[in-house]
PDB file of N, CA and C in Angstrom:
ATOM      1  N   MET A   1     209.276 -54.225 -26.745  1.00  0.00           N
ATOM      2  CA  MET A   1     208.879 -54.975 -25.571  1.00  0.00           C
ATOM      3  C   MET A   1     209.928 -56.036 -25.263  1.00  0.00           C
ATOM      4  N   LYS A   2     210.242 -56.203 -23.996  1.00  0.00           N
ATOM      5  CA  LYS A   2     211.247 -57.165 -23.580  1.00  0.00           C
ATOM      6  C   LYS A   2     210.643 -58.552 -23.462  1.00  0.00           C
ATOM      7  N   THR A   3     211.422 -59.550 -23.833  1.00  0.00           N
ATOM      8  CA  THR A   3     210.998 -60.932 -23.625  1.00  0.00           C
ATOM      9  C   THR A   3     211.454 -61.370 -22.245  1.00  0.00           C
ATOM     10  N   ALA A   4     211.035 -62.562 -21.841  1.00  0.00           N
ATOM     11  CA  ALA A   4     211.423 -63.088 -20.536  1.00  0.00           C
ATOM     12  C   ALA A   4     212.929 -63.291 -20.454  1.00  0.00           C
ATOM     13  N   TYR A   5     213.536 -63.613 -21.592  1.00  0.00           N
ATOM     14  CA  TYR A   5     214.964 -63.890 -21.597  1.00  0.00           C
ATOM     15  C   TYR A   5     215.807 -62.624 -21.692  1.00  0.00           C
ATOM     16  N   ASP A   6     215.189 -61.481 -21.965  1.00  0.00           N
ATOM     17  CA  ASP A   6     215.879 -60.201 -21.862  1.00  0.00           C
ATOM     18  C   ASP A   6     215.935 -59.748 -20.405  1.00  0.00           C
ATOM     19  N   VAL A   7     214.950 -60.133 -19.623  1.00  0.00           N
ATOM     20  CA  VAL A   7     214.882 -59.745 -18.212  1.00  0.00           C
ATOM     21  C   VAL A   7     215.747 -60.674 -17.361  1.00  0.00           C
ATOM     22  N   LEU A   8     215.605 -61.986 -17.545  1.00  0.00           N
ATOM     23  CA  LEU A   8     216.372 -62.967 -16.778  1.00  0.00           C
ATOM     24  C   LEU A   8     217.695 -63.217 -17.490  1.00  0.00           C
ATOM     25  N   ILE A   9     218.790 -62.853 -16.859  1.00  0.00           N
ATOM     26  CA  ILE A   9     220.097 -63.024 -17.488  1.00  0.00           C
ATOM     27  C   ILE A   9     220.655 -64.413 -17.202  1.00  0.00           C
ATOM     28  N   ARG A  10     220.712 -64.792 -15.921  1.00  0.00           N
ATOM     29  CA  ARG A  10     221.230 -66.117 -15.569  1.00  0.00           C
ATOM     30  C   ARG A  10     220.794 -66.458 -14.153  1.00  0.00           C
ATOM     31  N   PRO A  11     220.724 -67.751 -13.827  1.00  0.00           N
ATOM     32  CA  PRO A  11     220.485 -68.131 -12.430  1.00  0.00           C
ATOM     33  C   PRO A  11     221.785 -67.997 -11.642  1.00  0.00           C
ATOM     34  N   VAL A  12     221.664 -67.697 -10.374  1.00  0.00           N
ATOM     35  CA  VAL A  12     222.834 -67.593  -9.506  1.00  0.00           C
ATOM     36  C   VAL A  12     222.968 -68.916  -8.770  1.00  0.00           C
ATOM     37  N   ILE A  13     224.047 -69.629  -9.061  1.00  0.00           N
ATOM     38  CA  ILE A  13     224.292 -70.932  -8.453  1.00  0.00           C
ATOM     39  C   ILE A  13     225.403 -70.753  -7.431  1.00  0.00           C
ATOM     40  N   SER A  14     225.026 -70.693  -6.169  1.00  0.00           N
ATOM     41  CA  SER A  14     225.998 -70.591  -5.091  1.00  0.00           C
ATOM     42  C   SER A  14     225.499 -71.436  -3.924  1.00  0.00           C
ATOM     43  N   GLU A  15     226.372 -71.649  -2.970  1.00  0.00           N
ATOM     44  CA  GLU A  15     225.999 -72.474  -1.823  1.00  0.00           C
ATOM     45  C   GLU A  15     224.842 -71.842  -1.052  1.00  0.00           C
ATOM     46  N   GLN A  16     224.891 -70.547  -0.883  1.00  0.00           N
ATOM     47  CA  GLN A  16     223.846 -69.862  -0.126  1.00  0.00           C
ATOM     48  C   GLN A  16     222.512 -69.887  -0.869  1.00  0.00           C
ATOM     49  N   SER A  17     222.542 -69.693  -2.177  1.00  0.00           N
ATOM     50  CA  SER A  17     221.284 -69.689  -2.921  1.00  0.00           C
ATOM     51  C   SER A  17     220.686 -71.087  -3.030  1.00  0.00           C
ATOM     52  N   MET A  18     221.514 -72.120  -3.029  1.00  0.00           N
ATOM     53  CA  MET A  18     221.016 -73.493  -3.136  1.00  0.00           C
ATOM     54  C   MET A  18     220.391 -73.980  -1.830  1.00  0.00           C
ATOM     55  N   GLU A  19     220.750 -73.370  -0.701  1.00  0.00           N
ATOM     56  CA  GLU A  19     220.161 -73.757   0.583  1.00  0.00           C
ATOM     57  C   GLU A  19     218.669 -73.427   0.646  1.00  0.00           C
ATOM     58  N   HIS A  20     218.222 -72.455  -0.134  1.00  0.00           N
ATOM     59  CA  HIS A  20     216.844 -71.994  -0.049  1.00  0.00           C
ATOM     60  C   HIS A  20     215.935 -72.613  -1.098  1.00  0.00           C
ATOM     61  N   THR A  21     216.437 -73.552  -1.901  1.00  0.00           N
ATOM     62  CA  THR A  21     215.585 -74.144  -2.929  1.00  0.00           C
ATOM     63  C   THR A  21     214.488 -75.011  -2.325  1.00  0.00           C
ATOM     64  N   ASP A  22     214.716 -75.599  -1.143  1.00  0.00           N
ATOM     65  CA  ASP A  22     213.653 -76.382  -0.502  1.00  0.00           C
ATOM     66  C   ASP A  22     212.520 -75.493   0.000  1.00  0.00           C
ATOM     67  N   LEU A  23     212.782 -74.196   0.181  1.00  0.00           N
ATOM     68  CA  LEU A  23     211.742 -73.232   0.556  1.00  0.00           C
ATOM     69  C   LEU A  23     211.102 -72.580  -0.663  1.00  0.00           C
ATOM     70  N   LYS A  24     211.466 -73.071  -1.862  1.00  0.00           N
ATOM     71  CA  LYS A  24     210.994 -72.541  -3.143  1.00  0.00           C
ATOM     72  C   LYS A  24     211.428 -71.092  -3.348  1.00  0.00           C
ATOM     73  N   LYS A  25     212.682 -70.804  -2.974  1.00  0.00           N
ATOM     74  CA  LYS A  25     213.288 -69.507  -3.237  1.00  0.00           C
ATOM     75  C   LYS A  25     214.420 -69.722  -4.230  1.00  0.00           C
ATOM     76  N   TYR A  26     214.401 -68.943  -5.305  1.00  0.00           N
ATOM     77  CA  TYR A  26     215.395 -69.073  -6.354  1.00  0.00           C
ATOM     78  C   TYR A  26     216.005 -67.706  -6.635  1.00  0.00           C
ATOM     79  N   VAL A  27     217.292 -67.679  -6.977  1.00  0.00           N
ATOM     80  CA  VAL A  27     218.020 -66.433  -7.170  1.00  0.00           C
ATOM     81  C   VAL A  27     218.426 -66.314  -8.638  1.00  0.00           C
ATOM     82  N   PHE A  28     218.182 -65.139  -9.213  1.00  0.00           N
ATOM     83  CA  PHE A  28     218.521 -64.861 -10.603  1.00  0.00           C
ATOM     84  C   PHE A  28     219.252 -63.540 -10.710  1.00  0.00           C
ATOM     85  N   GLU A  29     220.140 -63.459 -11.696  1.00  0.00           N
ATOM     86  CA  GLU A  29     220.670 -62.167 -12.107  1.00  0.00           C
ATOM     87  C   GLU A  29     219.719 -61.636 -13.158  1.00  0.00           C
ATOM     88  N   VAL A  30     219.270 -60.398 -12.980  1.00  0.00           N
ATOM     89  CA  VAL A  30     218.283 -59.810 -13.884  1.00  0.00           C
ATOM     90  C   VAL A  30     218.835 -58.529 -14.483  1.00  0.00           C
ATOM     91  N   ALA A  31     218.151 -58.015 -15.488  1.00  0.00           N
ATOM     92  CA  ALA A  31     218.546 -56.764 -16.124  1.00  0.00           C
ATOM     93  C   ALA A  31     218.481 -55.620 -15.112  1.00  0.00           C
ATOM     94  N   LYS A  32     219.420 -54.698 -15.219  1.00  0.00           N
ATOM     95  CA  LYS A  32     219.483 -53.614 -14.236  1.00  0.00           C
ATOM     96  C   LYS A  32     218.264 -52.707 -14.269  1.00  0.00           C
ATOM     97  N   ASP A  33     217.610 -52.590 -15.410  1.00  0.00           N
ATOM     98  CA  ASP A  33     216.458 -51.707 -15.511  1.00  0.00           C
ATOM     99  C   ASP A  33     215.130 -52.438 -15.315  1.00  0.00           C
ATOM    100  N   ALA A  34     215.159 -53.717 -14.955  1.00  0.00           N
ATOM    101  CA  ALA A  34     213.929 -54.494 -14.766  1.00  0.00           C
ATOM    102  C   ALA A  34     213.327 -54.199 -13.388  1.00  0.00           C
ATOM    103  N   ASN A  35     211.998 -54.073 -13.358  1.00  0.00           N
ATOM    104  CA  ASN A  35     211.328 -53.885 -12.074  1.00  0.00           C
ATOM    105  C   ASN A  35     210.694 -55.204 -11.620  1.00  0.00           C
ATOM    106  N   LYS A  36     210.087 -55.206 -10.441  1.00  0.00           N
ATOM    107  CA  LYS A  36     209.559 -56.445  -9.872  1.00  0.00           C
ATOM    108  C   LYS A  36     208.423 -57.030 -10.707  1.00  0.00           C
ATOM    109  N   ILE A  37     207.618 -56.194 -11.308  1.00  0.00           N
ATOM    110  CA  ILE A  37     206.507 -56.680 -12.124  1.00  0.00           C
ATOM    111  C   ILE A  37     207.039 -57.393 -13.362  1.00  0.00           C
ATOM    112  N   GLU A  38     208.038 -56.817 -14.010  1.00  0.00           N
ATOM    113  CA  GLU A  38     208.637 -57.450 -15.181  1.00  0.00           C
ATOM    114  C   GLU A  38     209.327 -58.763 -14.820  1.00  0.00           C
ATOM    115  N   ILE A  39     209.999 -58.793 -13.674  1.00  0.00           N
ATOM    116  CA  ILE A  39     210.681 -60.011 -13.244  1.00  0.00           C
ATOM    117  C   ILE A  39     209.660 -61.110 -12.954  1.00  0.00           C
ATOM    118  N   LYS A  40     208.559 -60.769 -12.302  1.00  0.00           N
ATOM    119  CA  LYS A  40     207.521 -61.752 -11.998  1.00  0.00           C
ATOM    120  C   LYS A  40     206.944 -62.339 -13.283  1.00  0.00           C
ATOM    121  N   LYS A  41     206.613 -61.497 -14.241  1.00  0.00           N
ATOM    122  CA  LYS A  41     206.068 -61.982 -15.508  1.00  0.00           C
ATOM    123  C   LYS A  41     207.074 -62.852 -16.243  1.00  0.00           C
ATOM    124  N   ALA A  42     208.353 -62.479 -16.204  1.00  0.00           N
ATOM    125  CA  ALA A  42     209.382 -63.238 -16.912  1.00  0.00           C
ATOM    126  C   ALA A  42     209.567 -64.630 -16.312  1.00  0.00           C
ATOM    127  N   VAL A  43     209.590 -64.729 -14.983  1.00  0.00           N
ATOM    128  CA  VAL A  43     209.759 -66.033 -14.331  1.00  0.00           C
ATOM    129  C   VAL A  43     208.546 -66.914 -14.577  1.00  0.00           C
ATOM    130  N   GLU A  44     207.347 -66.343 -14.478  1.00  0.00           N
ATOM    131  CA  GLU A  44     206.135 -67.124 -14.715  1.00  0.00           C
ATOM    132  C   GLU A  44     206.054 -67.606 -16.158  1.00  0.00           C
ATOM    133  N   GLU A  45     206.483 -66.780 -17.104  1.00  0.00           N
ATOM    134  CA  GLU A  45     206.440 -67.164 -18.514  1.00  0.00           C
ATOM    135  C   GLU A  45     207.509 -68.202 -18.848  1.00  0.00           C
ATOM    136  N   ALA A  46     208.718 -68.019 -18.328  1.00  0.00           N
ATOM    137  CA  ALA A  46     209.830 -68.893 -18.684  1.00  0.00           C
ATOM    138  C   ALA A  46     209.721 -70.273 -18.051  1.00  0.00           C
ATOM    139  N   PHE A  47     209.225 -70.360 -16.828  1.00  0.00           N
ATOM    140  CA  PHE A  47     209.232 -71.630 -16.102  1.00  0.00           C
ATOM    141  C   PHE A  47     207.841 -72.192 -15.823  1.00  0.00           C
ATOM    142  N   GLY A  48     206.789 -71.455 -16.091  1.00  0.00           N
ATOM    143  CA  GLY A  48     205.429 -71.945 -15.860  1.00  0.00           C
ATOM    144  C   GLY A  48     205.098 -72.145 -14.397  1.00  0.00           C
ATOM    145  N   VAL A  49     205.480 -71.213 -13.544  1.00  0.00           N
ATOM    146  CA  VAL A  49     205.239 -71.291 -12.102  1.00  0.00           C
ATOM    147  C   VAL A  49     204.464 -70.062 -11.654  1.00  0.00           C
ATOM    148  N   LYS A  50     204.012 -70.060 -10.392  1.00  0.00           N
ATOM    149  CA  LYS A  50     203.342 -68.912  -9.790  1.00  0.00           C
ATOM    150  C   LYS A  50     204.273 -68.270  -8.778  1.00  0.00           C
ATOM    151  N   VAL A  51     204.499 -66.971  -8.909  1.00  0.00           N
ATOM    152  CA  VAL A  51     205.413 -66.233  -8.033  1.00  0.00           C
ATOM    153  C   VAL A  51     204.618 -65.562  -6.926  1.00  0.00           C
ATOM    154  N   GLN A  52     205.097 -65.721  -5.685  1.00  0.00           N
ATOM    155  CA  GLN A  52     204.448 -65.097  -4.536  1.00  0.00           C
ATOM    156  C   GLN A  52     205.097 -63.757  -4.200  1.00  0.00           C
ATOM    157  N   LYS A  53     206.436 -63.719  -4.172  1.00  0.00           N
ATOM    158  CA  LYS A  53     207.137 -62.521  -3.717  1.00  0.00           C
ATOM    159  C   LYS A  53     208.478 -62.412  -4.437  1.00  0.00           C
ATOM    160  N   ILE A  54     208.922 -61.176  -4.630  1.00  0.00           N
ATOM    161  CA  ILE A  54     210.220 -60.921  -5.242  1.00  0.00           C
ATOM    162  C   ILE A  54     210.952 -59.876  -4.407  1.00  0.00           C
ATOM    163  N   SER A  55     212.222 -60.162  -4.121  1.00  0.00           N
ATOM    164  CA  SER A  55     213.095 -59.193  -3.462  1.00  0.00           C
ATOM    165  C   SER A  55     214.245 -58.898  -4.410  1.00  0.00           C
ATOM    166  N   THR A  56     214.551 -57.625  -4.611  1.00  0.00           N
ATOM    167  CA  THR A  56     215.637 -57.261  -5.506  1.00  0.00           C
ATOM    168  C   THR A  56     216.682 -56.450  -4.757  1.00  0.00           C
ATOM    169  N   THR A  57     217.901 -56.531  -5.244  1.00  0.00           N
ATOM    170  CA  THR A  57     218.983 -55.738  -4.685  1.00  0.00           C
ATOM    171  C   THR A  57     220.008 -55.473  -5.779  1.00  0.00           C
ATOM    172  N   ASN A  58     220.637 -54.326  -5.705  1.00  0.00           N
ATOM    173  CA  ASN A  58     221.715 -53.986  -6.625  1.00  0.00           C
ATOM    174  C   ASN A  58     223.036 -54.387  -5.975  1.00  0.00           C
ATOM    175  N   VAL A  59     223.790 -55.256  -6.641  1.00  0.00           N
ATOM    176  CA  VAL A  59     225.072 -55.718  -6.144  1.00  0.00           C
ATOM    177  C   VAL A  59     226.148 -54.816  -6.742  1.00  0.00           C
ATOM    178  N   ARG A  60     226.892 -54.148  -5.890  1.00  0.00           N
ATOM    179  CA  ARG A  60     227.923 -53.236  -6.361  1.00  0.00           C
ATOM    180  C   ARG A  60     229.160 -54.008  -6.773  1.00  0.00           C
ATOM    181  N   GLY A  61     229.887 -53.477  -7.744  1.00  0.00           N
ATOM    182  CA  GLY A  61     231.117 -54.106  -8.202  1.00  0.00           C
ATOM    183  C   GLY A  61     232.224 -53.954  -7.182  1.00  0.00           C
ATOM    184  N   LYS A  62     233.124 -54.923  -7.156  1.00  0.00           N
ATOM    185  CA  LYS A  62     234.248 -54.888  -6.224  1.00  0.00           C
ATOM    186  C   LYS A  62     235.462 -54.247  -6.894  1.00  0.00           C
ATOM    187  N   ALA A  63     236.262 -53.570  -6.104  1.00  0.00           N
ATOM    188  CA  ALA A  63     237.494 -52.979  -6.619  1.00  0.00           C
ATOM    189  C   ALA A  63     238.518 -54.085  -6.838  1.00  0.00           C
ATOM    190  N   LYS A  64     239.094 -54.116  -8.029  1.00  0.00           N
ATOM    191  CA  LYS A  64     240.090 -55.124  -8.382  1.00  0.00           C
ATOM    192  C   LYS A  64     241.267 -54.431  -9.039  1.00  0.00           C
ATOM    193  N   ARG A  65     242.437 -55.049  -8.966  1.00  0.00           N
ATOM    194  CA  ARG A  65     243.561 -54.534  -9.711  1.00  0.00           C
ATOM    195  C   ARG A  65     244.522 -55.671 -10.020  1.00  0.00           C
ATOM    196  N   MET A  66     245.191 -55.507 -11.128  1.00  0.00           N
ATOM    197  CA  MET A  66     246.203 -56.477 -11.549  1.00  0.00           C
ATOM    198  C   MET A  66     247.475 -55.689 -11.797  1.00  0.00           C
ATOM    199  N   GLY A  67     248.321 -55.632 -10.796  1.00  0.00           N
ATOM    200  CA  GLY A  67     249.528 -54.823 -10.898  1.00  0.00           C
ATOM    201  C   GLY A  67     249.383 -53.556 -10.082  1.00  0.00           C
ATOM    202  N   ALA A  68     250.236 -52.602 -10.365  1.00  0.00           N
ATOM    203  CA  ALA A  68     250.296 -51.409  -9.538  1.00  0.00           C
ATOM    204  C   ALA A  68     249.221 -50.389  -9.892  1.00  0.00           C
ATOM    205  N   TYR A  69     249.145 -49.975 -11.158  1.00  0.00           N
ATOM    206  CA  TYR A  69     248.322 -48.825 -11.478  1.00  0.00           C
ATOM    207  C   TYR A  69     246.965 -49.111 -12.097  1.00  0.00           C
ATOM    208  N   PRO A  70     246.793 -50.109 -12.898  1.00  0.00           N
ATOM    209  CA  PRO A  70     245.479 -50.203 -13.570  1.00  0.00           C
ATOM    210  C   PRO A  70     244.385 -50.708 -12.633  1.00  0.00           C
ATOM    211  N   ALA A  71     244.058 -49.895 -11.648  1.00  0.00           N
ATOM    212  CA  ALA A  71     242.988 -50.272 -10.730  1.00  0.00           C
ATOM    213  C   ALA A  71     241.662 -50.200 -11.468  1.00  0.00           C
ATOM    214  N   GLY A  72     240.813 -51.191 -11.254  1.00  0.00           N
ATOM    215  CA  GLY A  72     239.530 -51.231 -11.936  1.00  0.00           C
ATOM    216  C   GLY A  72     238.452 -51.729 -10.997  1.00  0.00           C
ATOM    217  N   GLN A  73     237.359 -52.125 -11.581  1.00  0.00           N
ATOM    218  CA  GLN A  73     236.226 -52.565 -10.795  1.00  0.00           C
ATOM    219  C   GLN A  73     235.456 -53.607 -11.589  1.00  0.00           C
ATOM    220  N   THR A  74     234.944 -54.621 -10.892  1.00  0.00           N
ATOM    221  CA  THR A  74     234.086 -55.578 -11.557  1.00  0.00           C
ATOM    222  C   THR A  74     232.728 -54.931 -11.796  1.00  0.00           C
ATOM    223  N   ALA A  75     231.973 -55.472 -12.705  1.00  0.00           N
ATOM    224  CA  ALA A  75     230.688 -54.878 -13.065  1.00  0.00           C
ATOM    225  C   ALA A  75     229.657 -55.087 -11.961  1.00  0.00           C
ATOM    226  N   GLY A  76     228.824 -54.085 -11.739  1.00  0.00           N
ATOM    227  CA  GLY A  76     227.706 -54.216 -10.829  1.00  0.00           C
ATOM    228  C   GLY A  76     226.555 -54.908 -11.538  1.00  0.00           C
ATOM    229  N   TRP A  77     225.664 -55.558 -10.784  1.00  0.00           N
ATOM    230  CA  TRP A  77     224.534 -56.271 -11.364  1.00  0.00           C
ATOM    231  C   TRP A  77     223.366 -56.268 -10.400  1.00  0.00           C
ATOM    232  N   LYS A  78     222.216 -56.679 -10.886  1.00  0.00           N
ATOM    233  CA  LYS A  78     221.001 -56.692 -10.084  1.00  0.00           C
ATOM    234  C   LYS A  78     220.605 -58.131  -9.800  1.00  0.00           C
ATOM    235  N   LYS A  79     220.282 -58.403  -8.546  1.00  0.00           N
ATOM    236  CA  LYS A  79     219.925 -59.742  -8.100  1.00  0.00           C
ATOM    237  C   LYS A  79     218.471 -59.757  -7.672  1.00  0.00           C
ATOM    238  N   ALA A  80     217.760 -60.832  -8.045  1.00  0.00           N
ATOM    239  CA  ALA A  80     216.363 -60.993  -7.648  1.00  0.00           C
ATOM    240  C   ALA A  80     216.193 -62.343  -6.965  1.00  0.00           C
ATOM    241  N   VAL A  81     215.594 -62.329  -5.772  1.00  0.00           N
ATOM    242  CA  VAL A  81     215.240 -63.555  -5.066  1.00  0.00           C
ATOM    243  C   VAL A  81     213.744 -63.759  -5.267  1.00  0.00           C
ATOM    244  N   VAL A  82     213.397 -64.874  -5.904  1.00  0.00           N
ATOM    245  CA  VAL A  82     212.013 -65.145  -6.280  1.00  0.00           C
ATOM    246  C   VAL A  82     211.464 -66.237  -5.374  1.00  0.00           C
ATOM    247  N   LYS A  83     210.357 -65.955  -4.679  1.00  0.00           N
ATOM    248  CA  LYS A  83     209.683 -66.941  -3.821  1.00  0.00           C
ATOM    249  C   LYS A  83     208.430 -67.399  -4.537  1.00  0.00           C
ATOM    250  N   LEU A  84     208.289 -68.721  -4.697  1.00  0.00           N
ATOM    251  CA  LEU A  84     207.131 -69.283  -5.369  1.00  0.00           C
ATOM    252  C   LEU A  84     206.036 -69.591  -4.358  1.00  0.00           C
ATOM    253  N   THR A  85     204.799 -69.710  -4.844  1.00  0.00           N
ATOM    254  CA  THR A  85     203.682 -70.062  -3.968  1.00  0.00           C
ATOM    255  C   THR A  85     203.804 -71.518  -3.545  1.00  0.00           C
ATOM    256  N   GLU A  86     203.084 -71.880  -2.503  1.00  0.00           N
ATOM    257  CA  GLU A  86     203.137 -73.245  -1.967  1.00  0.00           C
ATOM    258  C   GLU A  86     202.609 -74.272  -2.955  1.00  0.00           C
ATOM    259  N   ASP A  87     201.555 -73.931  -3.704  1.00  0.00           N
ATOM    260  CA  ASP A  87     200.962 -74.894  -4.632  1.00  0.00           C
ATOM    261  C   ASP A  87     201.651 -74.906  -5.990  1.00  0.00           C
ATOM    262  N   SER A  88     202.660 -74.063  -6.186  1.00  0.00           N
ATOM    263  CA  SER A  88     203.372 -74.001  -7.453  1.00  0.00           C
ATOM    264  C   SER A  88     204.375 -75.145  -7.552  1.00  0.00           C
ATOM    265  N   LYS A  89     204.656 -75.568  -8.774  1.00  0.00           N
ATOM    266  CA  LYS A  89     205.686 -76.592  -8.968  1.00  0.00           C
ATOM    267  C   LYS A  89     207.062 -75.956  -8.826  1.00  0.00           C
ATOM    268  N   THR A  90     208.086 -76.785  -8.658  1.00  0.00           N
ATOM    269  CA  THR A  90     209.443 -76.268  -8.527  1.00  0.00           C
ATOM    270  C   THR A  90     210.029 -76.011  -9.912  1.00  0.00           C
ATOM    271  N   ILE A  91     211.126 -75.288  -9.937  1.00  0.00           N
ATOM    272  CA  ILE A  91     211.832 -75.029 -11.193  1.00  0.00           C
ATOM    273  C   ILE A  91     212.814 -76.172 -11.403  1.00  0.00           C
ATOM    274  N   GLU A  92     212.651 -76.905 -12.504  1.00  0.00           N
ATOM    275  CA  GLU A  92     213.442 -78.108 -12.740  1.00  0.00           C
ATOM    276  C   GLU A  92     214.916 -77.823 -12.948  1.00  0.00           C
ATOM    277  N   PHE A  93     215.244 -76.609 -13.392  1.00  0.00           N
ATOM    278  CA  PHE A  93     216.638 -76.263 -13.644  1.00  0.00           C
ATOM    279  C   PHE A  93     217.497 -76.426 -12.393  1.00  0.00           C
ATOM    280  N   PHE A  94     216.928 -76.154 -11.216  1.00  0.00           N
ATOM    281  CA  PHE A  94     217.669 -76.195  -9.972  1.00  0.00           C
ATOM    282  C   PHE A  94     217.621 -77.564  -9.285  1.00  0.00           C
ATOM    283  N   GLU A  95     216.910 -78.531  -9.852  1.00  0.00           N
ATOM    284  CA  GLU A  95     216.699 -79.814  -9.194  1.00  0.00           C
ATOM    285  C   GLU A  95     217.992 -80.580  -8.921  1.00  0.00           C
ATOM    286  N   GLY A  96     218.855 -80.747  -9.897  1.00  0.00           N
ATOM    287  CA  GLY A  96     220.053 -81.554  -9.711  1.00  0.00           C
ATOM    288  C   GLY A  96     221.211 -80.838  -9.042  1.00  0.00           C
ATOM    289  N   MET A  97     221.040 -79.579  -8.698  1.00  0.00           N
ATOM    290  CA  MET A  97     222.142 -78.791  -8.165  1.00  0.00           C
ATOM    291  C   MET A  97     222.392 -79.027  -6.675  1.00  0.00           C
ATOM    292  N   VAL A  98     221.367 -79.401  -5.936  1.00  0.00           N
ATOM    293  CA  VAL A  98     221.478 -79.507  -4.483  1.00  0.00           C
ATOM    294  C   VAL A  98     222.155 -80.796  -4.079  1.00  0.00           C
TER     295      VAL A  98
END
């Protein structure tokens, strides 16, 4: 059985994701095989909040190269946007970032 920290890999801290924290929307990188039910349980367990909605998307890796021939690609990952309920508390981890 997976723990909450096996599902949630890291929070995504970017300008676009920080704009939505006042709407109680938070962005996380999650395990590629995690589904919405597992992500909801993991966020509720790890932060003690109530989740209203989850949107997930698979982010494809970008083509990169260093030099002429060794063309490669960055790793693909899965992103989850978590919307909390109105009566839920905020996630303190994101408080000082804005």
